[in-house]
């Protein structure tokens, strides 16, 4: 069986391209946090600030996860607004440009694997 993905709280599964279109729409509406879950129990979370995004991946809830990184990037960016209203500042090395976040989501949903050329930081 092929793994399917859906936004948490929504019953319909999405294709890779539909997920990116939905993420763009959500960001335009000011909803900067999105969580997707797969039929295999994996989680993909994207928290953006309209320019950069924190992209986190977990094999299952409560498991150690990883997040995409921009190795060697310095500085920090603010405006990462969670669904509960909390607004965070993240080091730029722990986030990726928004276009890269969309590419990662498209690849993860389309293939089930993170892009091989994306840097990841595992959290234990």
PDB file of N, CA and C in Angstrom:
ATOM      1  N   UNK A   1       0.831  -1.182   0.000  1.00  0.00           N
ATOM      2  CA  UNK A   1       0.000   0.000   0.000  1.00  0.00           C
ATOM      3  C   UNK A   1       0.879   1.250   0.000  1.00  0.00           C
ATOM      4  N   UNK A   2       0.509   2.221  -0.778  1.00  0.00           N
ATOM      5  CA  UNK A   2       1.245   3.470  -0.863  1.00  0.00           C
ATOM      6  C   UNK A   2       0.911   4.362   0.327  1.00  0.00           C
ATOM      7  N   UNK A   3       1.922   4.978   0.888  1.00  0.00           N
ATOM      8  CA  UNK A   3       1.724   5.899   2.000  1.00  0.00           C
ATOM      9  C   UNK A   3       0.994   7.147   1.497  1.00  0.00           C
ATOM     10  N   UNK A   4      -0.018   7.587   2.242  1.00  0.00           N
ATOM     11  CA  UNK A   4      -0.735   8.814   1.900  1.00  0.00           C
ATOM     12  C   UNK A   4      -0.519   9.836   3.005  1.00  0.00           C
ATOM     13  N   UNK A   5      -0.705  11.108   2.663  1.00  0.00           N
ATOM     14  CA  UNK A   5      -0.493  12.197   3.605  1.00  0.00           C
ATOM     15  C   UNK A   5      -1.724  13.085   3.643  1.00  0.00           C
ATOM     16  N   UNK A   6      -2.011  13.650   4.827  1.00  0.00           N
ATOM     17  CA  UNK A   6      -3.121  14.583   4.998  1.00  0.00           C
ATOM     18  C   UNK A   6      -2.725  15.624   6.044  1.00  0.00           C
ATOM     19  N   UNK A   7      -3.299  16.811   5.932  1.00  0.00           N
ATOM     20  CA  UNK A   7      -3.107  17.806   6.973  1.00  0.00           C
ATOM     21  C   UNK A   7      -3.839  17.336   8.222  1.00  0.00           C
ATOM     22  N   UNK A   8      -3.215  17.491   9.375  1.00  0.00           N
ATOM     23  CA  UNK A   8      -3.821  17.075  10.634  1.00  0.00           C
ATOM     24  C   UNK A   8      -5.156  17.796  10.787  1.00  0.00           C
ATOM     25  N   UNK A   9      -6.193  17.030  11.104  1.00  0.00           N
ATOM     26  CA  UNK A   9      -7.518  17.583  11.287  1.00  0.00           C
ATOM     27  C   UNK A   9      -8.357  17.658  10.023  1.00  0.00           C
ATOM     28  N   UNK A  10      -7.776  17.257   8.894  1.00  0.00           N
ATOM     29  CA  UNK A  10      -8.513  17.255   7.634  1.00  0.00           C
ATOM     30  C   UNK A  10      -8.590  15.820   7.113  1.00  0.00           C
ATOM     31  N   UNK A  11      -9.759  15.394   6.655  1.00  0.00           N
ATOM     32  CA  UNK A  11      -9.940  13.989   6.289  1.00  0.00           C
ATOM     33  C   UNK A  11      -9.353  13.586   4.934  1.00  0.00           C
ATOM     34  N   UNK A  12      -9.179  14.517   4.037  1.00  0.00           N
ATOM     35  CA  UNK A  12      -8.743  14.183   2.679  1.00  0.00           C
ATOM     36  C   UNK A  12      -7.223  14.124   2.570  1.00  0.00           C
ATOM     37  N   UNK A  13      -6.728  13.089   1.909  1.00  0.00           N
ATOM     38  CA  UNK A  13      -5.289  13.020   1.661  1.00  0.00           C
ATOM     39  C   UNK A  13      -4.937  13.997   0.545  1.00  0.00           C
ATOM     40  N   UNK A  14      -3.662  14.391   0.503  1.00  0.00           N
ATOM     41  CA  UNK A  14      -3.195  15.350  -0.492  1.00  0.00           C
ATOM     42  C   UNK A  14      -2.013  14.780  -1.258  1.00  0.00           C
ATOM     43  N   UNK A  15      -1.904  15.188  -2.511  1.00  0.00           N
ATOM     44  CA  UNK A  15      -0.716  14.871  -3.289  1.00  0.00           C
ATOM     45  C   UNK A  15       0.383  15.837  -2.873  1.00  0.00           C
ATOM     46  N   UNK A  16       1.577  15.600  -3.350  1.00  0.00           N
ATOM     47  CA  UNK A  16       2.695  16.485  -3.038  1.00  0.00           C
ATOM     48  C   UNK A  16       2.404  17.911  -3.502  1.00  0.00           C
ATOM     49  N   UNK A  17       1.899  18.052  -4.711  1.00  0.00           N
ATOM     50  CA  UNK A  17       1.629  19.393  -5.244  1.00  0.00           C
ATOM     51  C   UNK A  17       0.468  20.058  -4.509  1.00  0.00           C
ATOM     52  N   UNK A  18      -0.567  19.297  -4.173  1.00  0.00           N
ATOM     53  CA  UNK A  18      -1.695  19.856  -3.417  1.00  0.00           C
ATOM     54  C   UNK A  18      -1.248  20.350  -2.045  1.00  0.00           C
ATOM     55  N   UNK A  19      -0.321  19.637  -1.432  1.00  0.00           N
ATOM     56  CA  UNK A  19       0.194  20.049  -0.128  1.00  0.00           C
ATOM     57  C   UNK A  19       0.899  21.396  -0.231  1.00  0.00           C
ATOM     58  N   UNK A  20       1.712  21.569  -1.264  1.00  0.00           N
ATOM     59  CA  UNK A  20       2.436  22.833  -1.436  1.00  0.00           C
ATOM     60  C   UNK A  20       1.464  23.974  -1.730  1.00  0.00           C
ATOM     61  N   UNK A  21       0.473  23.734  -2.567  1.00  0.00           N
ATOM     62  CA  UNK A  21      -0.537  24.761  -2.856  1.00  0.00           C
ATOM     63  C   UNK A  21      -1.251  25.149  -1.558  1.00  0.00           C
ATOM     64  N   UNK A  22      -1.616  24.159  -0.752  1.00  0.00           N
ATOM     65  CA  UNK A  22      -2.288  24.434   0.520  1.00  0.00           C
ATOM     66  C   UNK A  22      -1.379  25.197   1.478  1.00  0.00           C
ATOM     67  N   UNK A  23      -0.102  24.842   1.520  1.00  0.00           N
ATOM     68  CA  UNK A  23       0.837  25.564   2.382  1.00  0.00           C
ATOM     69  C   UNK A  23       0.949  27.018   1.948  1.00  0.00           C
ATOM     70  N   UNK A  24       1.053  27.267   0.655  1.00  0.00           N
ATOM     71  CA  UNK A  24       1.121  28.647   0.155  1.00  0.00           C
ATOM     72  C   UNK A  24      -0.132  29.428   0.561  1.00  0.00           C
ATOM     73  N   UNK A  25      -1.299  28.807   0.408  1.00  0.00           N
ATOM     74  CA  UNK A  25      -2.560  29.459   0.758  1.00  0.00           C
ATOM     75  C   UNK A  25      -2.600  29.757   2.257  1.00  0.00           C
ATOM     76  N   UNK A  26      -2.213  28.788   3.062  1.00  0.00           N
ATOM     77  CA  UNK A  26      -2.228  28.974   4.515  1.00  0.00           C
ATOM     78  C   UNK A  26      -1.307  30.122   4.924  1.00  0.00           C
ATOM     79  N   UNK A  27      -0.132  30.180   4.341  1.00  0.00           N
ATOM     80  CA  UNK A  27       0.820  31.246   4.671  1.00  0.00           C
ATOM     81  C   UNK A  27       0.243  32.596   4.270  1.00  0.00           C
ATOM     82  N   UNK A  28      -0.372  32.685   3.097  1.00  0.00           N
ATOM     83  CA  UNK A  28      -0.994  33.932   2.645  1.00  0.00           C
ATOM     84  C   UNK A  28      -2.104  34.376   3.592  1.00  0.00           C
ATOM     85  N   UNK A  29      -2.770  33.408   4.231  1.00  0.00           N
ATOM     86  CA  UNK A  29      -3.840  33.694   5.184  1.00  0.00           C
ATOM     87  C   UNK A  29      -3.314  33.970   6.588  1.00  0.00           C
ATOM     88  N   UNK A  30      -1.996  33.864   6.783  1.00  0.00           N
ATOM     89  CA  UNK A  30      -1.405  34.094   8.094  1.00  0.00           C
ATOM     90  C   UNK A  30      -1.364  32.877   8.991  1.00  0.00           C
ATOM     91  N   UNK A  31      -1.719  31.717   8.454  1.00  0.00           N
ATOM     92  CA  UNK A  31      -1.633  30.465   9.228  1.00  0.00           C
ATOM     93  C   UNK A  31      -0.276  29.850   8.920  1.00  0.00           C
ATOM     94  N   UNK A  32       0.696  30.100   9.786  1.00  0.00           N
ATOM     95  CA  UNK A  32       2.092  29.789   9.486  1.00  0.00           C
ATOM     96  C   UNK A  32       2.552  28.420   9.967  1.00  0.00           C
ATOM     97  N   UNK A  33       1.720  27.718  10.735  1.00  0.00           N
ATOM     98  CA  UNK A  33       2.072  26.369  11.185  1.00  0.00           C
ATOM     99  C   UNK A  33       1.160  25.363  10.501  1.00  0.00           C
ATOM    100  N   UNK A  34       1.754  24.316   9.948  1.00  0.00           N
ATOM    101  CA  UNK A  34       0.971  23.243   9.327  1.00  0.00           C
ATOM    102  C   UNK A  34       1.600  21.913   9.693  1.00  0.00           C
ATOM    103  N   UNK A  35       0.749  20.957   9.990  1.00  0.00           N
ATOM    104  CA  UNK A  35       1.213  19.605  10.320  1.00  0.00           C
ATOM    105  C   UNK A  35       0.547  18.622   9.383  1.00  0.00           C
ATOM    106  N   UNK A  36       1.361  17.751   8.818  1.00  0.00           N
ATOM    107  CA  UNK A  36       0.853  16.672   7.973  1.00  0.00           C
ATOM    108  C   UNK A  36       1.189  15.352   8.629  1.00  0.00           C
ATOM    109  N   UNK A  37       0.298  14.397   8.483  1.00  0.00           N
ATOM    110  CA  UNK A  37       0.533  13.066   9.020  1.00  0.00           C
ATOM    111  C   UNK A  37       0.342  12.060   7.898  1.00  0.00           C
ATOM    112  N   UNK A  38       1.097  10.990   7.960  1.00  0.00           N
ATOM    113  CA  UNK A  38       1.004   9.981   6.905  1.00  0.00           C
ATOM    114  C   UNK A  38       0.220   8.774   7.397  1.00  0.00           C
ATOM    115  N   UNK A  39      -0.210   7.965   6.456  1.00  0.00           N
ATOM    116  CA  UNK A  39      -0.929   6.742   6.797  1.00  0.00           C
ATOM    117  C   UNK A  39      -0.036   5.765   7.560  1.00  0.00           C
ATOM    118  N   UNK A  40       1.275   5.984   7.536  1.00  0.00           N
ATOM    119  CA  UNK A  40       2.216   5.151   8.283  1.00  0.00           C
ATOM    120  C   UNK A  40       2.536   5.739   9.660  1.00  0.00           C
ATOM    121  N   UNK A  41       1.885   6.869  10.011  1.00  0.00           N
ATOM    122  CA  UNK A  41       2.088   7.473  11.313  1.00  0.00           C
ATOM    123  C   UNK A  41       3.225   8.469  11.385  1.00  0.00           C
ATOM    124  N   UNK A  42       3.806   8.808  10.253  1.00  0.00           N
ATOM    125  CA  UNK A  42       4.902   9.782  10.246  1.00  0.00           C
ATOM    126  C   UNK A  42       4.340  11.200  10.251  1.00  0.00           C
ATOM    127  N   UNK A  43       5.121  12.143  10.776  1.00  0.00           N
ATOM    128  CA  UNK A  43       4.678  13.529  10.897  1.00  0.00           C
ATOM    129  C   UNK A  43       5.647  14.468  10.194  1.00  0.00           C
ATOM    130  N   UNK A  44       5.099  15.459   9.533  1.00  0.00           N
ATOM    131  CA  UNK A  44       5.879  16.488   8.857  1.00  0.00           C
ATOM    132  C   UNK A  44       5.267  17.825   9.260  1.00  0.00           C
ATOM    133  N   UNK A  45       6.059  18.672   9.917  1.00  0.00           N
ATOM    134  CA  UNK A  45       5.576  19.961  10.391  1.00  0.00           C
ATOM    135  C   UNK A  45       6.352  21.071   9.706  1.00  0.00           C
ATOM    136  N   UNK A  46       5.627  22.097   9.276  1.00  0.00           N
ATOM    137  CA  UNK A  46       6.231  23.268   8.655  1.00  0.00           C
ATOM    138  C   UNK A  46       5.730  24.495   9.411  1.00  0.00           C
ATOM    139  N   UNK A  47       6.668  25.280   9.951  1.00  0.00           N
ATOM    140  CA  UNK A  47       6.331  26.537  10.603  1.00  0.00           C
ATOM    141  C   UNK A  47       7.117  27.616   9.876  1.00  0.00           C
ATOM    142  N   UNK A  48       6.401  28.521   9.226  1.00  0.00           N
ATOM    143  CA  UNK A  48       7.061  29.539   8.422  1.00  0.00           C
ATOM    144  C   UNK A  48       6.929  30.926   9.006  1.00  0.00           C
ATOM    145  N   UNK A  49       7.610  31.863   8.337  1.00  0.00           N
ATOM    146  CA  UNK A  49       7.478  33.281   8.681  1.00  0.00           C
ATOM    147  C   UNK A  49       7.345  34.119   7.405  1.00  0.00           C
ATOM    148  N   UNK A  50       6.932  33.523   6.336  1.00  0.00           N
ATOM    149  CA  UNK A  50       6.753  34.072   4.978  1.00  0.00           C
ATOM    150  C   UNK A  50       8.057  34.140   4.180  1.00  0.00           C
ATOM    151  N   UNK A  51       9.210  33.983   4.824  1.00  0.00           N
ATOM    152  CA  UNK A  51      10.488  33.969   4.105  1.00  0.00           C
ATOM    153  C   UNK A  51      11.291  32.687   4.346  1.00  0.00           C
ATOM    154  N   UNK A  52      11.224  32.171   5.559  1.00  0.00           N
ATOM    155  CA  UNK A  52      11.949  30.966   5.929  1.00  0.00           C
ATOM    156  C   UNK A  52      10.980  30.024   6.631  1.00  0.00           C
ATOM    157  N   UNK A  53      11.391  28.766   6.777  1.00  0.00           N
ATOM    158  CA  UNK A  53      10.521  27.797   7.460  1.00  0.00           C
ATOM    159  C   UNK A  53      11.348  26.805   8.252  1.00  0.00           C
ATOM    160  N   UNK A  54      10.791  26.406   9.371  1.00  0.00           N
ATOM    161  CA  UNK A  54      11.312  25.308  10.164  1.00  0.00           C
ATOM    162  C   UNK A  54      10.557  24.069   9.692  1.00  0.00           C
ATOM    163  N   UNK A  55      11.280  23.090   9.158  1.00  0.00           N
ATOM    164  CA  UNK A  55      10.670  21.872   8.637  1.00  0.00           C
ATOM    165  C   UNK A  55      11.141  20.715   9.514  1.00  0.00           C
ATOM    166  N   UNK A  56      10.184  20.086  10.203  1.00  0.00           N
ATOM    167  CA  UNK A  56      10.500  18.998  11.123  1.00  0.00           C
ATOM    168  C   UNK A  56       9.862  17.704  10.636  1.00  0.00           C
ATOM    169  N   UNK A  57      10.574  16.604  10.836  1.00  0.00           N
ATOM    170  CA  UNK A  57      10.106  15.290  10.400  1.00  0.00           C
ATOM    171  C   UNK A  57      10.283  14.294  11.532  1.00  0.00           C
ATOM    172  N   UNK A  58       9.220  13.539  11.825  1.00  0.00           N
ATOM    173  CA  UNK A  58       9.269  12.486  12.837  1.00  0.00           C
ATOM    174  C   UNK A  58       8.741  11.201  12.226  1.00  0.00           C
ATOM    175  N   UNK A  59       9.409  10.086  12.524  1.00  0.00           N
ATOM    176  CA  UNK A  59       8.940   8.801  12.027  1.00  0.00           C
ATOM    177  C   UNK A  59       7.646   8.373  12.700  1.00  0.00           C
ATOM    178  N   UNK A  60       7.426   8.832  13.920  1.00  0.00           N
ATOM    179  CA  UNK A  60       6.170   8.574  14.629  1.00  0.00           C
ATOM    180  C   UNK A  60       6.087   9.559  15.784  1.00  0.00           C
ATOM    181  N   UNK A  61       4.865   9.809  16.254  1.00  0.00           N
ATOM    182  CA  UNK A  61       4.675  10.728  17.363  1.00  0.00           C
ATOM    183  C   UNK A  61       5.488  10.261  18.563  1.00  0.00           C
ATOM    184  N   UNK A  62       6.076  11.205  19.262  1.00  0.00           N
ATOM    185  CA  UNK A  62       6.902  10.968  20.445  1.00  0.00           C
ATOM    186  C   UNK A  62       8.263  10.350  20.125  1.00  0.00           C
ATOM    187  N   UNK A  63       8.568  10.128  18.854  1.00  0.00           N
ATOM    188  CA  UNK A  63       9.889   9.617  18.471  1.00  0.00           C
ATOM    189  C   UNK A  63      10.826  10.809  18.272  1.00  0.00           C
ATOM    190  N   UNK A  64      12.129  10.580  18.443  1.00  0.00           N
ATOM    191  CA  UNK A  64      13.068  11.658  18.129  1.00  0.00           C
ATOM    192  C   UNK A  64      12.918  12.025  16.660  1.00  0.00           C
ATOM    193  N   UNK A  65      13.019  13.270  16.367  1.00  0.00           N
ATOM    194  CA  UNK A  65      12.857  13.713  14.982  1.00  0.00           C
ATOM    195  C   UNK A  65      14.081  14.425  14.478  1.00  0.00           C
ATOM    196  N   UNK A  66      13.911  15.089  13.374  1.00  0.00           N
ATOM    197  CA  UNK A  66      14.979  15.862  12.764  1.00  0.00           C
ATOM    198  C   UNK A  66      14.361  17.088  12.118  1.00  0.00           C
ATOM    199  N   UNK A  67      15.182  18.109  11.904  1.00  0.00           N
ATOM    200  CA  UNK A  67      14.712  19.279  11.183  1.00  0.00           C
ATOM    201  C   UNK A  67      15.733  19.667  10.112  1.00  0.00           C
ATOM    202  N   UNK A  68      15.208  20.224   9.026  1.00  0.00           N
ATOM    203  CA  UNK A  68      16.066  20.648   7.918  1.00  0.00           C
ATOM    204  C   UNK A  68      16.902  21.844   8.365  1.00  0.00           C
ATOM    205  N   UNK A  69      18.132  21.909   7.891  1.00  0.00           N
ATOM    206  CA  UNK A  69      19.042  22.980   8.298  1.00  0.00           C
ATOM    207  C   UNK A  69      19.681  23.658   7.090  1.00  0.00           C
ATOM    208  N   UNK A  70      20.123  24.878   7.343  1.00  0.00           N
ATOM    209  CA  UNK A  70      20.931  25.637   6.389  1.00  0.00           C
ATOM    210  C   UNK A  70      22.315  25.751   7.006  1.00  0.00           C
ATOM    211  N   UNK A  71      23.120  24.724   6.816  1.00  0.00           N
ATOM    212  CA  UNK A  71      24.442  24.657   7.451  1.00  0.00           C
ATOM    213  C   UNK A  71      25.265  25.894   7.127  1.00  0.00           C
ATOM    214  N   UNK A  72      25.892  26.450   8.161  1.00  0.00           N
ATOM    215  CA  UNK A  72      26.776  27.592   7.997  1.00  0.00           C
ATOM    216  C   UNK A  72      26.065  28.929   7.947  1.00  0.00           C
ATOM    217  N   UNK A  73      24.765  28.932   7.972  1.00  0.00           N
ATOM    218  CA  UNK A  73      23.999  30.177   7.921  1.00  0.00           C
ATOM    219  C   UNK A  73      24.054  30.839   9.294  1.00  0.00           C
ATOM    220  N   UNK A  74      24.263  32.149   9.347  1.00  0.00           N
ATOM    221  CA  UNK A  74      24.289  32.853  10.627  1.00  0.00           C
ATOM    222  C   UNK A  74      23.076  33.764  10.729  1.00  0.00           C
ATOM    223  N   UNK A  75      22.856  34.272  11.908  1.00  0.00           N
ATOM    224  CA  UNK A  75      21.740  35.169  12.142  1.00  0.00           C
ATOM    225  C   UNK A  75      20.514  34.431  12.641  1.00  0.00           C
ATOM    226  N   UNK A  76      19.450  35.174  12.796  1.00  0.00           N
ATOM    227  CA  UNK A  76      18.189  34.610  13.271  1.00  0.00           C
ATOM    228  C   UNK A  76      17.044  35.380  12.631  1.00  0.00           C
ATOM    229  N   UNK A  77      15.904  34.738  12.566  1.00  0.00           N
ATOM    230  CA  UNK A  77      14.708  35.351  12.000  1.00  0.00           C
ATOM    231  C   UNK A  77      13.555  35.160  12.968  1.00  0.00           C
ATOM    232  N   UNK A  78      12.672  36.116  13.010  1.00  0.00           N
ATOM    233  CA  UNK A  78      11.493  36.039  13.867  1.00  0.00           C
ATOM    234  C   UNK A  78      10.240  35.823  13.044  1.00  0.00           C
ATOM    235  N   UNK A  79       9.124  35.795  13.742  1.00  0.00           N
ATOM    236  CA  UNK A  79       7.835  35.690  13.076  1.00  0.00           C
ATOM    237  C   UNK A  79       7.348  34.284  12.823  1.00  0.00           C
ATOM    238  N   UNK A  80       7.967  33.288  13.439  1.00  0.00           N
ATOM    239  CA  UNK A  80       7.520  31.905  13.285  1.00  0.00           C
ATOM    240  C   UNK A  80       6.345  31.708  14.241  1.00  0.00           C
ATOM    241  N   UNK A  81       5.125  31.882  13.709  1.00  0.00           N
ATOM    242  CA  UNK A  81       3.918  31.868  14.539  1.00  0.00           C
ATOM    243  C   UNK A  81       3.276  30.485  14.554  1.00  0.00           C
ATOM    244  N   UNK A  82       3.167  29.945  15.769  1.00  0.00           N
ATOM    245  CA  UNK A  82       2.517  28.652  15.963  1.00  0.00           C
ATOM    246  C   UNK A  82       1.001  28.829  15.982  1.00  0.00           C
ATOM    247  N   UNK A  83       0.286  27.740  15.817  1.00  0.00           N
ATOM    248  CA  UNK A  83      -1.178  27.779  15.792  1.00  0.00           C
ATOM    249  C   UNK A  83      -1.761  28.328  17.097  1.00  0.00           C
ATOM    250  N   UNK A  84      -1.046  28.158  18.212  1.00  0.00           N
ATOM    251  CA  UNK A  84      -1.535  28.651  19.504  1.00  0.00           C
ATOM    252  C   UNK A  84      -1.243  30.134  19.725  1.00  0.00           C
ATOM    253  N   UNK A  85      -0.662  30.810  18.726  1.00  0.00           N
ATOM    254  CA  UNK A  85      -0.375  32.234  18.809  1.00  0.00           C
ATOM    255  C   UNK A  85       1.041  32.566  19.229  1.00  0.00           C
ATOM    256  N   UNK A  86       1.761  31.594  19.753  1.00  0.00           N
ATOM    257  CA  UNK A  86       3.154  31.826  20.158  1.00  0.00           C
ATOM    258  C   UNK A  86       3.971  32.213  18.937  1.00  0.00           C
ATOM    259  N   UNK A  87       4.797  33.241  19.090  1.00  0.00           N
ATOM    260  CA  UNK A  87       5.639  33.701  17.978  1.00  0.00           C
ATOM    261  C   UNK A  87       7.098  33.533  18.392  1.00  0.00           C
ATOM    262  N   UNK A  88       7.853  32.783  17.594  1.00  0.00           N
ATOM    263  CA  UNK A  88       9.224  32.432  17.951  1.00  0.00           C
ATOM    264  C   UNK A  88      10.250  33.083  17.034  1.00  0.00           C
ATOM    265  N   UNK A  89      11.470  33.150  17.554  1.00  0.00           N
ATOM    266  CA  UNK A  89      12.647  33.521  16.777  1.00  0.00           C
ATOM    267  C   UNK A  89      13.484  32.258  16.642  1.00  0.00           C
ATOM    268  N   UNK A  90      13.947  31.958  15.438  1.00  0.00           N
ATOM    269  CA  UNK A  90      14.752  30.753  15.205  1.00  0.00           C
ATOM    270  C   UNK A  90      16.079  31.126  14.561  1.00  0.00           C
ATOM    271  N   UNK A  91      17.151  30.447  14.950  1.00  0.00           N
ATOM    272  CA  UNK A  91      18.414  30.646  14.237  1.00  0.00           C
ATOM    273  C   UNK A  91      18.232  30.279  12.760  1.00  0.00           C
ATOM    274  N   UNK A  92      18.778  31.082  11.879  1.00  0.00           N
ATOM    275  CA  UNK A  92      18.630  30.806  10.442  1.00  0.00           C
ATOM    276  C   UNK A  92      19.230  29.457  10.056  1.00  0.00           C
ATOM    277  N   UNK A  93      20.235  28.986  10.791  1.00  0.00           N
ATOM    278  CA  UNK A  93      20.813  27.686  10.472  1.00  0.00           C
ATOM    279  C   UNK A  93      19.832  26.548  10.743  1.00  0.00           C
ATOM    280  N   UNK A  94      18.805  26.785  11.566  1.00  0.00           N
ATOM    281  CA  UNK A  94      17.800  25.765  11.879  1.00  0.00           C
ATOM    282  C   UNK A  94      16.552  25.874  11.012  1.00  0.00           C
ATOM    283  N   UNK A  95      16.601  26.739  10.012  1.00  0.00           N
ATOM    284  CA  UNK A  95      15.479  26.919   9.101  1.00  0.00           C
ATOM    285  C   UNK A  95      16.006  26.894   7.662  1.00  0.00           C
ATOM    286  N   UNK A  96      15.074  26.855   6.715  1.00  0.00           N
ATOM    287  CA  UNK A  96      15.439  26.881   5.293  1.00  0.00           C
ATOM    288  C   UNK A  96      14.589  27.942   4.602  1.00  0.00           C
ATOM    289  N   UNK A  97      15.051  28.454   3.456  1.00  0.00           N
ATOM    290  CA  UNK A  97      14.209  29.380   2.702  1.00  0.00           C
ATOM    291  C   UNK A  97      12.873  28.722   2.362  1.00  0.00           C
ATOM    292  N   UNK A  98      11.828  29.524   2.283  1.00  0.00           N
ATOM    293  CA  UNK A  98      10.490  28.991   2.075  1.00  0.00           C
ATOM    294  C   UNK A  98      10.392  28.126   0.822  1.00  0.00           C
ATOM    295  N   UNK A  99      11.017  28.531  -0.264  1.00  0.00           N
ATOM    296  CA  UNK A  99      11.005  27.715  -1.482  1.00  0.00           C
ATOM    297  C   UNK A  99      11.630  26.346  -1.266  1.00  0.00           C
ATOM    298  N   UNK A 100      12.675  26.295  -0.466  1.00  0.00           N
ATOM    299  CA  UNK A 100      13.315  25.016  -0.130  1.00  0.00           C
ATOM    300  C   UNK A 100      12.384  24.166   0.719  1.00  0.00           C
ATOM    301  N   UNK A 101      11.651  24.803   1.638  1.00  0.00           N
ATOM    302  CA  UNK A 101      10.689  24.063   2.460  1.00  0.00           C
ATOM    303  C   UNK A 101       9.636  23.414   1.572  1.00  0.00           C
ATOM    304  N   UNK A 102       9.145  24.134   0.579  1.00  0.00           N
ATOM    305  CA  UNK A 102       8.160  23.572  -0.340  1.00  0.00           C
ATOM    306  C   UNK A 102       8.753  22.394  -1.116  1.00  0.00           C
ATOM    307  N   UNK A 103      10.005  22.522  -1.525  1.00  0.00           N
ATOM    308  CA  UNK A 103      10.669  21.432  -2.243  1.00  0.00           C
ATOM    309  C   UNK A 103      10.791  20.196  -1.359  1.00  0.00           C
ATOM    310  N   UNK A 104      11.144  20.407  -0.093  1.00  0.00           N
ATOM    311  CA  UNK A 104      11.275  19.289   0.853  1.00  0.00           C
ATOM    312  C   UNK A 104       9.923  18.593   1.029  1.00  0.00           C
ATOM    313  N   UNK A 105       8.868  19.368   1.247  1.00  0.00           N
ATOM    314  CA  UNK A 105       7.529  18.791   1.435  1.00  0.00           C
ATOM    315  C   UNK A 105       7.120  18.013   0.187  1.00  0.00           C
ATOM    316  N   UNK A 106       7.321  18.611  -0.968  1.00  0.00           N
ATOM    317  CA  UNK A 106       6.965  17.954  -2.239  1.00  0.00           C
ATOM    318  C   UNK A 106       7.697  16.615  -2.369  1.00  0.00           C
ATOM    319  N   UNK A 107       8.976  16.601  -2.052  1.00  0.00           N
ATOM    320  CA  UNK A 107       9.790  15.387  -2.173  1.00  0.00           C
ATOM    321  C   UNK A 107       9.388  14.339  -1.138  1.00  0.00           C
ATOM    322  N   UNK A 108       9.188  14.771   0.104  1.00  0.00           N
ATOM    323  CA  UNK A 108       8.827  13.823   1.172  1.00  0.00           C
ATOM    324  C   UNK A 108       7.489  13.142   0.865  1.00  0.00           C
ATOM    325  N   UNK A 109       6.506  13.923   0.441  1.00  0.00           N
ATOM    326  CA  UNK A 109       5.196  13.345   0.155  1.00  0.00           C
ATOM    327  C   UNK A 109       5.243  12.508  -1.118  1.00  0.00           C
ATOM    328  N   UNK A 110       5.998  12.963  -2.097  1.00  0.00           N
ATOM    329  CA  UNK A 110       6.075  12.250  -3.369  1.00  0.00           C
ATOM    330  C   UNK A 110       6.860  10.957  -3.317  1.00  0.00           C
ATOM    331  N   UNK A 111       7.909  10.916  -2.486  1.00  0.00           N
ATOM    332  CA  UNK A 111       8.791   9.742  -2.475  1.00  0.00           C
ATOM    333  C   UNK A 111       8.837   9.014  -1.130  1.00  0.00           C
ATOM    334  N   UNK A 112       8.401   9.678  -0.071  1.00  0.00           N
ATOM    335  CA  UNK A 112       8.497   9.091   1.264  1.00  0.00           C
ATOM    336  C   UNK A 112       9.845   9.305   1.923  1.00  0.00           C
ATOM    337  N   UNK A 113      10.752   9.990   1.221  1.00  0.00           N
ATOM    338  CA  UNK A 113      12.099  10.218   1.734  1.00  0.00           C
ATOM    339  C   UNK A 113      12.457  11.689   1.670  1.00  0.00           C
ATOM    340  N   UNK A 114      13.296  12.165   2.587  1.00  0.00           N
ATOM    341  CA  UNK A 114      13.777  13.539   2.461  1.00  0.00           C
ATOM    342  C   UNK A 114      14.713  13.658   1.263  1.00  0.00           C
ATOM    343  N   UNK A 115      14.795  14.829   0.646  1.00  0.00           N
ATOM    344  CA  UNK A 115      15.754  14.997  -0.451  1.00  0.00           C
ATOM    345  C   UNK A 115      17.171  14.701   0.030  1.00  0.00           C
ATOM    346  N   UNK A 116      17.925  13.990  -0.772  1.00  0.00           N
ATOM    347  CA  UNK A 116      19.290  13.588  -0.393  1.00  0.00           C
ATOM    348  C   UNK A 116      20.214  14.788  -0.211  1.00  0.00           C
ATOM    349  N   UNK A 117      19.917  15.904  -0.863  1.00  0.00           N
ATOM    350  CA  UNK A 117      20.799  17.063  -0.779  1.00  0.00           C
ATOM    351  C   UNK A 117      20.397  18.059   0.307  1.00  0.00           C
ATOM    352  N   UNK A 118      19.467  17.689   1.162  1.00  0.00           N
ATOM    353  CA  UNK A 118      19.041  18.550   2.260  1.00  0.00           C
ATOM    354  C   UNK A 118      19.772  18.145   3.531  1.00  0.00           C
ATOM    355  N   UNK A 119      20.296  19.144   4.244  1.00  0.00           N
ATOM    356  CA  UNK A 119      20.933  18.886   5.524  1.00  0.00           C
ATOM    357  C   UNK A 119      19.885  18.718   6.614  1.00  0.00           C
ATOM    358  N   UNK A 120      20.116  17.780   7.539  1.00  0.00           N
ATOM    359  CA  UNK A 120      19.182  17.522   8.623  1.00  0.00           C
ATOM    360  C   UNK A 120      19.937  17.483   9.944  1.00  0.00           C
ATOM    361  N   UNK A 121      19.296  17.942  10.980  1.00  0.00           N
ATOM    362  CA  UNK A 121      19.831  17.861  12.332  1.00  0.00           C
ATOM    363  C   UNK A 121      18.898  16.947  13.117  1.00  0.00           C
ATOM    364  N   UNK A 122      19.427  15.834  13.588  1.00  0.00           N
ATOM    365  CA  UNK A 122      18.618  14.878  14.350  1.00  0.00           C
ATOM    366  C   UNK A 122      18.519  15.337  15.795  1.00  0.00           C
ATOM    367  N   UNK A 123      17.340  15.193  16.350  1.00  0.00           N
ATOM    368  CA  UNK A 123      17.110  15.521  17.764  1.00  0.00           C
ATOM    369  C   UNK A 123      16.926  14.225  18.522  1.00  0.00           C
ATOM    370  N   UNK A 124      17.630  14.058  19.580  1.00  0.00           N
ATOM    371  CA  UNK A 124      17.553  12.817  20.325  1.00  0.00           C
ATOM    372  C   UNK A 124      16.841  12.913  21.605  1.00  0.00           C
TER     373      UNK A 124
END
